[in-house]
Amino acid sequence: MASPVSSILIYNNKYLVTNQSFDLLVIISYLKERGIKSSYYGFLSANHDIIINSILSTDKCENLNTIWFHHFLTEAKSQLGWKIFVEVKNKVCHFLFCKVRVTPGKCVLT
């Protein structure tokens, strides 16, 4: 995970003052910008470089997807209305089931 930032961040010509970690800011900004059109695939595509740069030398690549999709769903749950969150969560689960071959039960967010 990226180290916490405590500064003014410029993202898409918007100023954000934050103490949250940069990767969570990227997720929050994406969700707020896309709303119901949010998708995990779209997030991965739009933020490929940031995700790759978040890998530490001690990280295992197979855990990277789990870390990012969990953060994505957690932030979607807190940032989006319930109806939109459920739709986005279903898209994430479908994407993971089709691409990564996980069981749908792995997408359960408690």
PDB file of N, CA and C in Angstrom:
ATOM      1  N   MET A   1       0.811  -1.173   0.000  1.00  0.00           N
ATOM      2  CA  MET A   1       0.000   0.000   0.000  1.00  0.00           C
ATOM      3  C   MET A   1       0.857   1.240   0.000  1.00  0.00           C
ATOM      4  N   ALA A   2       0.364   2.256  -0.616  1.00  0.00           N
ATOM      5  CA  ALA A   2       1.113   3.502  -0.657  1.00  0.00           C
ATOM      6  C   ALA A   2       1.154   4.137   0.726  1.00  0.00           C
ATOM      7  N   SER A   3       2.177   4.905   0.955  1.00  0.00           N
ATOM      8  CA  SER A   3       2.270   5.577   2.244  1.00  0.00           C
ATOM      9  C   SER A   3       1.258   6.711   2.292  1.00  0.00           C
ATOM     10  N   PRO A   4       0.786   7.050   3.497  1.00  0.00           N
ATOM     11  CA  PRO A   4      -0.196   8.129   3.612  1.00  0.00           C
ATOM     12  C   PRO A   4       0.380   9.447   3.123  1.00  0.00           C
ATOM     13  N   VAL A   5      -0.483  10.246   2.527  1.00  0.00           N
ATOM     14  CA  VAL A   5      -0.074  11.566   2.091  1.00  0.00           C
ATOM     15  C   VAL A   5      -0.786  12.597   2.944  1.00  0.00           C
ATOM     16  N   SER A   6      -0.143  13.676   3.191  1.00  0.00           N
ATOM     17  CA  SER A   6      -0.746  14.759   3.950  1.00  0.00           C
ATOM     18  C   SER A   6      -0.435  16.056   3.219  1.00  0.00           C
ATOM     19  N   SER A   7      -1.091  16.244   2.105  1.00  0.00           N
ATOM     20  CA  SER A   7      -0.811  17.414   1.292  1.00  0.00           C
ATOM     21  C   SER A   7      -1.994  17.694   0.386  1.00  0.00           C
ATOM     22  N   ILE A   8      -1.826  18.708  -0.451  1.00  0.00           N
ATOM     23  CA  ILE A   8      -2.855  19.011  -1.439  1.00  0.00           C
ATOM     24  C   ILE A   8      -2.531  18.213  -2.686  1.00  0.00           C
ATOM     25  N   LEU A   9      -3.488  17.447  -3.148  1.00  0.00           N
ATOM     26  CA  LEU A   9      -3.312  16.600  -4.314  1.00  0.00           C
ATOM     27  C   LEU A   9      -4.178  17.153  -5.433  1.00  0.00           C
ATOM     28  N   ILE A  10      -3.636  17.271  -6.626  1.00  0.00           N
ATOM     29  CA  ILE A  10      -4.406  17.721  -7.779  1.00  0.00           C
ATOM     30  C   ILE A  10      -4.737  16.490  -8.610  1.00  0.00           C
ATOM     31  N   TYR A  11      -6.020  16.204  -8.789  1.00  0.00           N
ATOM     32  CA  TYR A  11      -6.472  15.059  -9.557  1.00  0.00           C
ATOM     33  C   TYR A  11      -7.586  15.532 -10.466  1.00  0.00           C
ATOM     34  N   ASN A  12      -7.385  15.420 -11.767  1.00  0.00           N
ATOM     35  CA  ASN A  12      -8.367  15.881 -12.755  1.00  0.00           C
ATOM     36  C   ASN A  12      -8.779  17.332 -12.504  1.00  0.00           C
ATOM     37  N   ASN A  13      -7.772  18.182 -12.264  1.00  0.00           N
ATOM     38  CA  ASN A  13      -7.996  19.606 -12.014  1.00  0.00           C
ATOM     39  C   ASN A  13      -8.847  19.888 -10.786  1.00  0.00           C
ATOM     40  N   LYS A  14      -8.924  18.952  -9.849  1.00  0.00           N
ATOM     41  CA  LYS A  14      -9.638  19.150  -8.597  1.00  0.00           C
ATOM     42  C   LYS A  14      -8.617  19.062  -7.471  1.00  0.00           C
ATOM     43  N   TYR A  15      -8.774  19.893  -6.457  1.00  0.00           N
ATOM     44  CA  TYR A  15      -7.855  19.889  -5.323  1.00  0.00           C
ATOM     45  C   TYR A  15      -8.440  19.044  -4.198  1.00  0.00           C
ATOM     46  N   LEU A  16      -7.642  18.153  -3.695  1.00  0.00           N
ATOM     47  CA  LEU A  16      -8.052  17.302  -2.586  1.00  0.00           C
ATOM     48  C   LEU A  16      -7.038  17.463  -1.458  1.00  0.00           C
ATOM     49  N   VAL A  17      -7.507  17.747  -0.265  1.00  0.00           N
ATOM     50  CA  VAL A  17      -6.625  17.777   0.893  1.00  0.00           C
ATOM     51  C   VAL A  17      -6.917  16.515   1.676  1.00  0.00           C
ATOM     52  N   THR A  18      -5.883  15.754   1.975  1.00  0.00           N
ATOM     53  CA  THR A  18      -6.145  14.439   2.528  1.00  0.00           C
ATOM     54  C   THR A  18      -5.049  13.953   3.454  1.00  0.00           C
ATOM     55  N   ASN A  19      -5.403  13.011   4.291  1.00  0.00           N
ATOM     56  CA  ASN A  19      -4.454  12.247   5.085  1.00  0.00           C
ATOM     57  C   ASN A  19      -4.590  10.765   4.753  1.00  0.00           C
ATOM     58  N   GLN A  20      -5.404  10.441   3.761  1.00  0.00           N
ATOM     59  CA  GLN A  20      -5.611   9.052   3.373  1.00  0.00           C
ATOM     60  C   GLN A  20      -4.502   8.611   2.440  1.00  0.00           C
ATOM     61  N   SER A  21      -4.366   7.311   2.304  1.00  0.00           N
ATOM     62  CA  SER A  21      -3.336   6.819   1.401  1.00  0.00           C
ATOM     63  C   SER A  21      -3.732   7.102  -0.049  1.00  0.00           C
ATOM     64  N   PHE A  22      -2.735   7.264  -0.882  1.00  0.00           N
ATOM     65  CA  PHE A  22      -2.955   7.662  -2.270  1.00  0.00           C
ATOM     66  C   PHE A  22      -3.806   6.656  -3.031  1.00  0.00           C
ATOM     67  N   ASP A  23      -3.602   5.356  -2.798  1.00  0.00           N
ATOM     68  CA  ASP A  23      -4.373   4.366  -3.549  1.00  0.00           C
ATOM     69  C   ASP A  23      -5.860   4.461  -3.241  1.00  0.00           C
ATOM     70  N   LEU A  24      -6.216   4.758  -2.005  1.00  0.00           N
ATOM     71  CA  LEU A  24      -7.630   4.918  -1.681  1.00  0.00           C
ATOM     72  C   LEU A  24      -8.197   6.177  -2.328  1.00  0.00           C
ATOM     73  N   LEU A  25      -7.395   7.226  -2.412  1.00  0.00           N
ATOM     74  CA  LEU A  25      -7.842   8.436  -3.100  1.00  0.00           C
ATOM     75  C   LEU A  25      -8.129   8.175  -4.566  1.00  0.00           C
ATOM     76  N   VAL A  26      -7.309   7.357  -5.178  1.00  0.00           N
ATOM     77  CA  VAL A  26      -7.504   7.018  -6.582  1.00  0.00           C
ATOM     78  C   VAL A  26      -8.836   6.294  -6.754  1.00  0.00           C
ATOM     79  N   ILE A  27      -9.126   5.358  -5.864  1.00  0.00           N
ATOM     80  CA  ILE A  27     -10.393   4.617  -5.927  1.00  0.00           C
ATOM     81  C   ILE A  27     -11.567   5.561  -5.701  1.00  0.00           C
ATOM     82  N   ILE A  28     -11.493   6.380  -4.658  1.00  0.00           N
ATOM     83  CA  ILE A  28     -12.587   7.300  -4.339  1.00  0.00           C
ATOM     84  C   ILE A  28     -12.840   8.256  -5.503  1.00  0.00           C
ATOM     85  N   SER A  29     -11.785   8.817  -6.065  1.00  0.00           N
ATOM     86  CA  SER A  29     -11.945   9.739  -7.194  1.00  0.00           C
ATOM     87  C   SER A  29     -12.599   9.048  -8.379  1.00  0.00           C
ATOM     88  N   TYR A  30     -12.176   7.818  -8.669  1.00  0.00           N
ATOM     89  CA  TYR A  30     -12.761   7.060  -9.777  1.00  0.00           C
ATOM     90  C   TYR A  30     -14.253   6.824  -9.529  1.00  0.00           C
ATOM     91  N   LEU A  31     -14.606   6.376  -8.323  1.00  0.00           N
ATOM     92  CA  LEU A  31     -16.003   6.075  -8.011  1.00  0.00           C
ATOM     93  C   LEU A  31     -16.874   7.325  -8.083  1.00  0.00           C
ATOM     94  N   LYS A  32     -16.373   8.429  -7.568  1.00  0.00           N
ATOM     95  CA  LYS A  32     -17.157   9.666  -7.606  1.00  0.00           C
ATOM     96  C   LYS A  32     -17.334  10.173  -9.033  1.00  0.00           C
ATOM     97  N   GLU A  33     -16.311  10.005  -9.834  1.00  0.00           N
ATOM     98  CA  GLU A  33     -16.380  10.461 -11.222  1.00  0.00           C
ATOM     99  C   GLU A  33     -17.309   9.578 -12.052  1.00  0.00           C
ATOM    100  N   ARG A  34     -17.256   8.275 -11.877  1.00  0.00           N
ATOM    101  CA  ARG A  34     -17.995   7.331 -12.726  1.00  0.00           C
ATOM    102  C   ARG A  34     -19.363   6.954 -12.165  1.00  0.00           C
ATOM    103  N   GLY A  35     -19.545   6.974 -10.846  1.00  0.00           N
ATOM    104  CA  GLY A  35     -20.833   6.634 -10.245  1.00  0.00           C
ATOM    105  C   GLY A  35     -21.317   5.260 -10.658  1.00  0.00           C
ATOM    106  N   ILE A  36     -22.539   5.190 -11.178  1.00  0.00           N
ATOM    107  CA  ILE A  36     -23.133   3.909 -11.560  1.00  0.00           C
ATOM    108  C   ILE A  36     -22.387   3.257 -12.723  1.00  0.00           C
ATOM    109  N   LYS A  37     -21.620   4.037 -13.462  1.00  0.00           N
ATOM    110  CA  LYS A  37     -20.846   3.490 -14.574  1.00  0.00           C
ATOM    111  C   LYS A  37     -19.524   2.883 -14.109  1.00  0.00           C
ATOM    112  N   SER A  38     -19.272   2.893 -12.801  1.00  0.00           N
ATOM    113  CA  SER A  38     -18.033   2.330 -12.260  1.00  0.00           C
ATOM    114  C   SER A  38     -17.956   0.839 -12.529  1.00  0.00           C
ATOM    115  N   SER A  39     -16.769   0.387 -12.846  1.00  0.00           N
ATOM    116  CA  SER A  39     -16.520  -1.046 -12.977  1.00  0.00           C
ATOM    117  C   SER A  39     -15.090  -1.307 -12.540  1.00  0.00           C
ATOM    118  N   TYR A  40     -14.850  -2.488 -12.037  1.00  0.00           N
ATOM    119  CA  TYR A  40     -13.505  -2.839 -11.594  1.00  0.00           C
ATOM    120  C   TYR A  40     -12.549  -2.861 -12.784  1.00  0.00           C
ATOM    121  N   TYR A  41     -13.003  -3.400 -13.908  1.00  0.00           N
ATOM    122  CA  TYR A  41     -12.175  -3.428 -15.112  1.00  0.00           C
ATOM    123  C   TYR A  41     -11.814  -2.010 -15.558  1.00  0.00           C
ATOM    124  N   GLY A  42     -12.807  -1.123 -15.551  1.00  0.00           N
ATOM    125  CA  GLY A  42     -12.551   0.264 -15.918  1.00  0.00           C
ATOM    126  C   GLY A  42     -11.561   0.926 -14.974  1.00  0.00           C
ATOM    127  N   PHE A  43     -11.702   0.630 -13.685  1.00  0.00           N
ATOM    128  CA  PHE A  43     -10.762   1.156 -12.698  1.00  0.00           C
ATOM    129  C   PHE A  43      -9.351   0.643 -12.966  1.00  0.00           C
ATOM    130  N   LEU A  44      -9.229  -0.667 -13.210  1.00  0.00           N
ATOM    131  CA  LEU A  44      -7.910  -1.247 -13.484  1.00  0.00           C
ATOM    132  C   LEU A  44      -7.294  -0.638 -14.739  1.00  0.00           C
ATOM    133  N   SER A  45      -8.094  -0.477 -15.774  1.00  0.00           N
ATOM    134  CA  SER A  45      -7.595   0.093 -17.032  1.00  0.00           C
ATOM    135  C   SER A  45      -7.139   1.539 -16.854  1.00  0.00           C
ATOM    136  N   ALA A  46      -7.937   2.313 -16.147  1.00  0.00           N
ATOM    137  CA  ALA A  46      -7.635   3.734 -15.979  1.00  0.00           C
ATOM    138  C   ALA A  46      -6.441   3.983 -15.059  1.00  0.00           C
ATOM    139  N   ASN A  47      -6.173   3.041 -14.164  1.00  0.00           N
ATOM    140  CA  ASN A  47      -5.147   3.261 -13.141  1.00  0.00           C
ATOM    141  C   ASN A  47      -4.047   2.212 -13.164  1.00  0.00           C
ATOM    142  N   HIS A  48      -3.817   1.623 -14.313  1.00  0.00           N
ATOM    143  CA  HIS A  48      -2.832   0.553 -14.463  1.00  0.00           C
ATOM    144  C   HIS A  48      -1.470   0.932 -13.888  1.00  0.00           C
ATOM    145  N   ASP A  49      -0.959   2.105 -14.243  1.00  0.00           N
ATOM    146  CA  ASP A  49       0.374   2.517 -13.790  1.00  0.00           C
ATOM    147  C   ASP A  49       0.445   2.671 -12.275  1.00  0.00           C
ATOM    148  N   ILE A  50      -0.593   3.240 -11.686  1.00  0.00           N
ATOM    149  CA  ILE A  50      -0.618   3.417 -10.234  1.00  0.00           C
ATOM    150  C   ILE A  50      -0.620   2.064  -9.537  1.00  0.00           C
ATOM    151  N   ILE A  51      -1.402   1.120 -10.060  1.00  0.00           N
ATOM    152  CA  ILE A  51      -1.486  -0.213  -9.463  1.00  0.00           C
ATOM    153  C   ILE A  51      -0.144  -0.921  -9.558  1.00  0.00           C
ATOM    154  N   ILE A  52       0.482  -0.868 -10.706  1.00  0.00           N
ATOM    155  CA  ILE A  52       1.795  -1.506 -10.880  1.00  0.00           C
ATOM    156  C   ILE A  52       2.824  -0.878  -9.946  1.00  0.00           C
ATOM    157  N   ASN A  53       2.785   0.439  -9.808  1.00  0.00           N
ATOM    158  CA  ASN A  53       3.737   1.123  -8.929  1.00  0.00           C
ATOM    159  C   ASN A  53       3.479   0.858  -7.452  1.00  0.00           C
ATOM    160  N   SER A  54       2.304   0.321  -7.122  1.00  0.00           N
ATOM    161  CA  SER A  54       2.004   0.030  -5.719  1.00  0.00           C
ATOM    162  C   SER A  54       2.627  -1.280  -5.249  1.00  0.00           C
ATOM    163  N   ILE A  55       3.183  -2.037  -6.172  1.00  0.00           N
ATOM    164  CA  ILE A  55       3.779  -3.323  -5.820  1.00  0.00           C
ATOM    165  C   ILE A  55       5.089  -3.093  -5.078  1.00  0.00           C
ATOM    166  N   LEU A  56       5.195  -3.670  -3.909  1.00  0.00           N
ATOM    167  CA  LEU A  56       6.450  -3.648  -3.164  1.00  0.00           C
ATOM    168  C   LEU A  56       7.240  -4.888  -3.529  1.00  0.00           C
ATOM    169  N   SER A  57       8.519  -4.853  -3.315  1.00  0.00           N
ATOM    170  CA  SER A  57       9.352  -6.010  -3.668  1.00  0.00           C
ATOM    171  C   SER A  57       8.955  -7.256  -2.883  1.00  0.00           C
ATOM    172  N   THR A  58       8.303  -7.068  -1.736  1.00  0.00           N
ATOM    173  CA  THR A  58       7.892  -8.218  -0.924  1.00  0.00           C
ATOM    174  C   THR A  58       6.498  -8.721  -1.274  1.00  0.00           C
ATOM    175  N   ASP A  59       5.779  -7.974  -2.111  1.00  0.00           N
ATOM    176  CA  ASP A  59       4.424  -8.388  -2.494  1.00  0.00           C
ATOM    177  C   ASP A  59       4.469  -9.564  -3.454  1.00  0.00           C
ATOM    178  N   LYS A  60       3.434 -10.360  -3.395  1.00  0.00           N
ATOM    179  CA  LYS A  60       3.261 -11.428  -4.367  1.00  0.00           C
ATOM    180  C   LYS A  60       2.185 -10.971  -5.336  1.00  0.00           C
ATOM    181  N   CYS A  61       2.445 -11.098  -6.613  1.00  0.00           N
ATOM    182  CA  CYS A  61       1.517 -10.592  -7.625  1.00  0.00           C
ATOM    183  C   CYS A  61       0.144 -11.235  -7.530  1.00  0.00           C
ATOM    184  N   GLU A  62       0.079 -12.489  -7.098  1.00  0.00           N
ATOM    185  CA  GLU A  62      -1.230 -13.135  -7.019  1.00  0.00           C
ATOM    186  C   GLU A  62      -2.113 -12.494  -5.951  1.00  0.00           C
ATOM    187  N   ASN A  63      -1.514 -11.810  -4.982  1.00  0.00           N
ATOM    188  CA  ASN A  63      -2.290 -11.124  -3.950  1.00  0.00           C
ATOM    189  C   ASN A  63      -2.714  -9.725  -4.375  1.00  0.00           C
ATOM    190  N   LEU A  64      -2.107  -9.193  -5.401  1.00  0.00           N
ATOM    191  CA  LEU A  64      -2.367  -7.826  -5.824  1.00  0.00           C
ATOM    192  C   LEU A  64      -3.826  -7.620  -6.217  1.00  0.00           C
ATOM    193  N   ASN A  65      -4.390  -8.523  -6.993  1.00  0.00           N
ATOM    194  CA  ASN A  65      -5.783  -8.396  -7.400  1.00  0.00           C
ATOM    195  C   ASN A  65      -6.710  -8.454  -6.193  1.00  0.00           C
ATOM    196  N   THR A  66      -6.442  -9.354  -5.264  1.00  0.00           N
ATOM    197  CA  THR A  66      -7.274  -9.476  -4.065  1.00  0.00           C
ATOM    198  C   THR A  66      -7.247  -8.178  -3.262  1.00  0.00           C
ATOM    199  N   ILE A  67      -6.075  -7.615  -3.094  1.00  0.00           N
ATOM    200  CA  ILE A  67      -5.939  -6.367  -2.337  1.00  0.00           C
ATOM    201  C   ILE A  67      -6.730  -5.249  -3.001  1.00  0.00           C
ATOM    202  N   TRP A  68      -6.546  -5.073  -4.311  1.00  0.00           N
ATOM    203  CA  TRP A  68      -7.194  -3.960  -5.000  1.00  0.00           C
ATOM    204  C   TRP A  68      -8.700  -4.146  -5.115  1.00  0.00           C
ATOM    205  N   PHE A  69      -9.183  -5.372  -5.393  1.00  0.00           N
ATOM    206  CA  PHE A  69     -10.640  -5.503  -5.518  1.00  0.00           C
ATOM    207  C   PHE A  69     -11.308  -5.347  -4.161  1.00  0.00           C
ATOM    208  N   HIS A  70     -10.646  -5.772  -3.087  1.00  0.00           N
ATOM    209  CA  HIS A  70     -11.221  -5.579  -1.752  1.00  0.00           C
ATOM    210  C   HIS A  70     -11.302  -4.084  -1.423  1.00  0.00           C
ATOM    211  N   HIS A  71     -10.234  -3.347  -1.689  1.00  0.00           N
ATOM    212  CA  HIS A  71     -10.261  -1.897  -1.459  1.00  0.00           C
ATOM    213  C   HIS A  71     -11.317  -1.229  -2.334  1.00  0.00           C
ATOM    214  N   PHE A  72     -11.418  -1.670  -3.587  1.00  0.00           N
ATOM    215  CA  PHE A  72     -12.393  -1.101  -4.516  1.00  0.00           C
ATOM    216  C   PHE A  72     -13.813  -1.291  -3.984  1.00  0.00           C
ATOM    217  N   LEU A  73     -14.140  -2.512  -3.550  1.00  0.00           N
ATOM    218  CA  LEU A  73     -15.489  -2.776  -3.035  1.00  0.00           C
ATOM    219  C   LEU A  73     -15.747  -2.061  -1.715  1.00  0.00           C
ATOM    220  N   THR A  74     -14.753  -2.003  -0.852  1.00  0.00           N
ATOM    221  CA  THR A  74     -14.920  -1.309   0.425  1.00  0.00           C
ATOM    222  C   THR A  74     -15.224   0.169   0.194  1.00  0.00           C
ATOM    223  N   GLU A  75     -14.478   0.798  -0.691  1.00  0.00           N
ATOM    224  CA  GLU A  75     -14.714   2.214  -0.982  1.00  0.00           C
ATOM    225  C   GLU A  75     -16.023   2.413  -1.738  1.00  0.00           C
ATOM    226  N   ALA A  76     -16.365   1.504  -2.632  1.00  0.00           N
ATOM    227  CA  ALA A  76     -17.645   1.604  -3.343  1.00  0.00           C
ATOM    228  C   ALA A  76     -18.800   1.551  -2.350  1.00  0.00           C
ATOM    229  N   LYS A  77     -18.681   0.685  -1.357  1.00  0.00           N
ATOM    230  CA  LYS A  77     -19.732   0.553  -0.347  1.00  0.00           C
ATOM    231  C   LYS A  77     -19.892   1.843   0.446  1.00  0.00           C
ATOM    232  N   SER A  78     -18.788   2.518   0.750  1.00  0.00           N
ATOM    233  CA  SER A  78     -18.875   3.735   1.555  1.00  0.00           C
ATOM    234  C   SER A  78     -19.164   4.988   0.718  1.00  0.00           C
ATOM    235  N   GLN A  79     -18.847   4.973  -0.567  1.00  0.00           N
ATOM    236  CA  GLN A  79     -18.982   6.173  -1.396  1.00  0.00           C
ATOM    237  C   GLN A  79     -20.265   6.230  -2.219  1.00  0.00           C
ATOM    238  N   LEU A  80     -20.798   5.076  -2.583  1.00  0.00           N
ATOM    239  CA  LEU A  80     -21.956   5.028  -3.471  1.00  0.00           C
ATOM    240  C   LEU A  80     -23.209   4.677  -2.686  1.00  0.00           C
ATOM    241  N   GLY A  81     -24.351   5.056  -3.201  1.00  0.00           N
ATOM    242  CA  GLY A  81     -25.604   4.632  -2.596  1.00  0.00           C
ATOM    243  C   GLY A  81     -25.738   3.117  -2.686  1.00  0.00           C
ATOM    244  N   TRP A  82     -26.596   2.541  -1.834  1.00  0.00           N
ATOM    245  CA  TRP A  82     -26.697   1.086  -1.746  1.00  0.00           C
ATOM    246  C   TRP A  82     -27.043   0.447  -3.089  1.00  0.00           C
ATOM    247  N   LYS A  83     -28.027   0.995  -3.796  1.00  0.00           N
ATOM    248  CA  LYS A  83     -28.457   0.410  -5.070  1.00  0.00           C
ATOM    249  C   LYS A  83     -27.310   0.416  -6.087  1.00  0.00           C
ATOM    250  N   ILE A  84     -26.591   1.529  -6.167  1.00  0.00           N
ATOM    251  CA  ILE A  84     -25.460   1.614  -7.095  1.00  0.00           C
ATOM    252  C   ILE A  84     -24.351   0.672  -6.652  1.00  0.00           C
ATOM    253  N   PHE A  85     -24.091   0.616  -5.333  1.00  0.00           N
ATOM    254  CA  PHE A  85     -23.054  -0.285  -4.823  1.00  0.00           C
ATOM    255  C   PHE A  85     -23.339  -1.728  -5.210  1.00  0.00           C
ATOM    256  N   VAL A  86     -24.578  -2.171  -5.040  1.00  0.00           N
ATOM    257  CA  VAL A  86     -24.931  -3.558  -5.367  1.00  0.00           C
ATOM    258  C   VAL A  86     -24.680  -3.829  -6.846  1.00  0.00           C
ATOM    259  N   GLU A  87     -25.032  -2.889  -7.701  1.00  0.00           N
ATOM    260  CA  GLU A  87     -24.805  -3.070  -9.139  1.00  0.00           C
ATOM    261  C   GLU A  87     -23.310  -3.136  -9.459  1.00  0.00           C
ATOM    262  N   VAL A  88     -22.534  -2.237  -8.857  1.00  0.00           N
ATOM    263  CA  VAL A  88     -21.082  -2.236  -9.069  1.00  0.00           C
ATOM    264  C   VAL A  88     -20.473  -3.522  -8.520  1.00  0.00           C
ATOM    265  N   LYS A  89     -20.908  -3.951  -7.342  1.00  0.00           N
ATOM    266  CA  LYS A  89     -20.392  -5.187  -6.734  1.00  0.00           C
ATOM    267  C   LYS A  89     -20.678  -6.388  -7.633  1.00  0.00           C
ATOM    268  N   ASN A  90     -21.865  -6.436  -8.209  1.00  0.00           N
ATOM    269  CA  ASN A  90     -22.198  -7.539  -9.112  1.00  0.00           C
ATOM    270  C   ASN A  90     -21.299  -7.541 -10.343  1.00  0.00           C
ATOM    271  N   LYS A  91     -20.977  -6.342 -10.862  1.00  0.00           N
ATOM    272  CA  LYS A  91     -20.055  -6.260 -11.999  1.00  0.00           C
ATOM    273  C   LYS A  91     -18.668  -6.754 -11.609  1.00  0.00           C
ATOM    274  N   VAL A  92     -18.216  -6.381 -10.406  1.00  0.00           N
ATOM    275  CA  VAL A  92     -16.902  -6.824  -9.929  1.00  0.00           C
ATOM    276  C   VAL A  92     -16.877  -8.339  -9.801  1.00  0.00           C
ATOM    277  N   CYS A  93     -17.906  -8.903  -9.183  1.00  0.00           N
ATOM    278  CA  CYS A  93     -17.963 -10.358  -9.009  1.00  0.00           C
ATOM    279  C   CYS A  93     -17.994 -11.072 -10.355  1.00  0.00           C
ATOM    280  N   HIS A  94     -18.759 -10.543 -11.294  1.00  0.00           N
ATOM    281  CA  HIS A  94     -18.820 -11.144 -12.626  1.00  0.00           C
ATOM    282  C   HIS A  94     -17.453 -11.083 -13.298  1.00  0.00           C
ATOM    283  N   PHE A  95     -16.797  -9.936 -13.215  1.00  0.00           N
ATOM    284  CA  PHE A  95     -15.463  -9.775 -13.805  1.00  0.00           C
ATOM    285  C   PHE A  95     -14.488 -10.770 -13.189  1.00  0.00           C
ATOM    286  N   LEU A  96     -14.484 -10.868 -11.870  1.00  0.00           N
ATOM    287  CA  LEU A  96     -13.550 -11.782 -11.202  1.00  0.00           C
ATOM    288  C   LEU A  96     -13.867 -13.235 -11.526  1.00  0.00           C
ATOM    289  N   PHE A  97     -15.146 -13.575 -11.572  1.00  0.00           N
ATOM    290  CA  PHE A  97     -15.531 -14.955 -11.856  1.00  0.00           C
ATOM    291  C   PHE A  97     -15.114 -15.346 -13.273  1.00  0.00           C
ATOM    292  N   CYS A  98     -15.302 -14.434 -14.215  1.00  0.00           N
ATOM    293  CA  CYS A  98     -14.972 -14.739 -15.609  1.00  0.00           C
ATOM    294  C   CYS A  98     -13.477 -14.695 -15.888  1.00  0.00           C
ATOM    295  N   LYS A  99     -12.767 -13.753 -15.281  1.00  0.00           N
ATOM    296  CA  LYS A  99     -11.356 -13.540 -15.590  1.00  0.00           C
ATOM    297  C   LYS A  99     -10.410 -14.323 -14.687  1.00  0.00           C
ATOM    298  N   VAL A 100     -10.716 -14.368 -13.401  1.00  0.00           N
ATOM    299  CA  VAL A 100      -9.770 -14.916 -12.436  1.00  0.00           C
ATOM    300  C   VAL A 100     -10.178 -16.307 -11.968  1.00  0.00           C
ATOM    301  N   ARG A 101     -11.371 -16.696 -12.293  1.00  0.00           N
ATOM    302  CA  ARG A 101     -11.881 -18.015 -11.919  1.00  0.00           C
ATOM    303  C   ARG A 101     -12.015 -18.195 -10.408  1.00  0.00           C
ATOM    304  N   VAL A 102     -12.507 -17.164  -9.752  1.00  0.00           N
ATOM    305  CA  VAL A 102     -12.809 -17.318  -8.338  1.00  0.00           C
ATOM    306  C   VAL A 102     -14.273 -17.683  -8.212  1.00  0.00           C
ATOM    307  N   THR A 103     -14.650 -18.205  -7.089  1.00  0.00           N
ATOM    308  CA  THR A 103     -16.053 -18.528  -6.884  1.00  0.00           C
ATOM    309  C   THR A 103     -16.800 -17.262  -6.500  1.00  0.00           C
ATOM    310  N   PRO A 104     -18.084 -17.168  -6.846  1.00  0.00           N
ATOM    311  CA  PRO A 104     -18.842 -15.972  -6.487  1.00  0.00           C
ATOM    312  C   PRO A 104     -18.829 -15.686  -4.989  1.00  0.00           C
ATOM    313  N   GLY A 105     -18.730 -16.713  -4.165  1.00  0.00           N
ATOM    314  CA  GLY A 105     -18.688 -16.516  -2.720  1.00  0.00           C
ATOM    315  C   GLY A 105     -17.496 -15.705  -2.252  1.00  0.00           C
ATOM    316  N   LYS A 106     -16.429 -15.679  -3.038  1.00  0.00           N
ATOM    317  CA  LYS A 106     -15.237 -14.906  -2.681  1.00  0.00           C
ATOM    318  C   LYS A 106     -15.502 -13.405  -2.756  1.00  0.00           C
ATOM    319  N   CYS A 107     -16.585 -13.013  -3.414  1.00  0.00           N
ATOM    320  CA  CYS A 107     -16.874 -11.593  -3.584  1.00  0.00           C
ATOM    321  C   CYS A 107     -17.726 -11.038  -2.449  1.00  0.00           C
ATOM    322  N   VAL A 108     -18.054 -11.863  -1.494  1.00  0.00           N
ATOM    323  CA  VAL A 108     -18.899 -11.415  -0.397  1.00  0.00           C
ATOM    324  C   VAL A 108     -18.141 -10.387   0.422  1.00  0.00           C
ATOM    325  N   LEU A 109     -18.742  -9.232   0.623  1.00  0.00           N
ATOM    326  CA  LEU A 109     -18.130  -8.156   1.392  1.00  0.00           C
ATOM    327  C   LEU A 109     -18.895  -8.012   2.691  1.00  0.00           C
ATOM    328  N   THR A 110     -18.214  -8.208   3.783  1.00  0.00           N
ATOM    329  CA  THR A 110     -18.894  -8.112   5.082  1.00  0.00           C
ATOM    330  C   THR A 110     -18.684  -6.768   5.705  1.00  0.00           C
TER     331      THR A 110
END
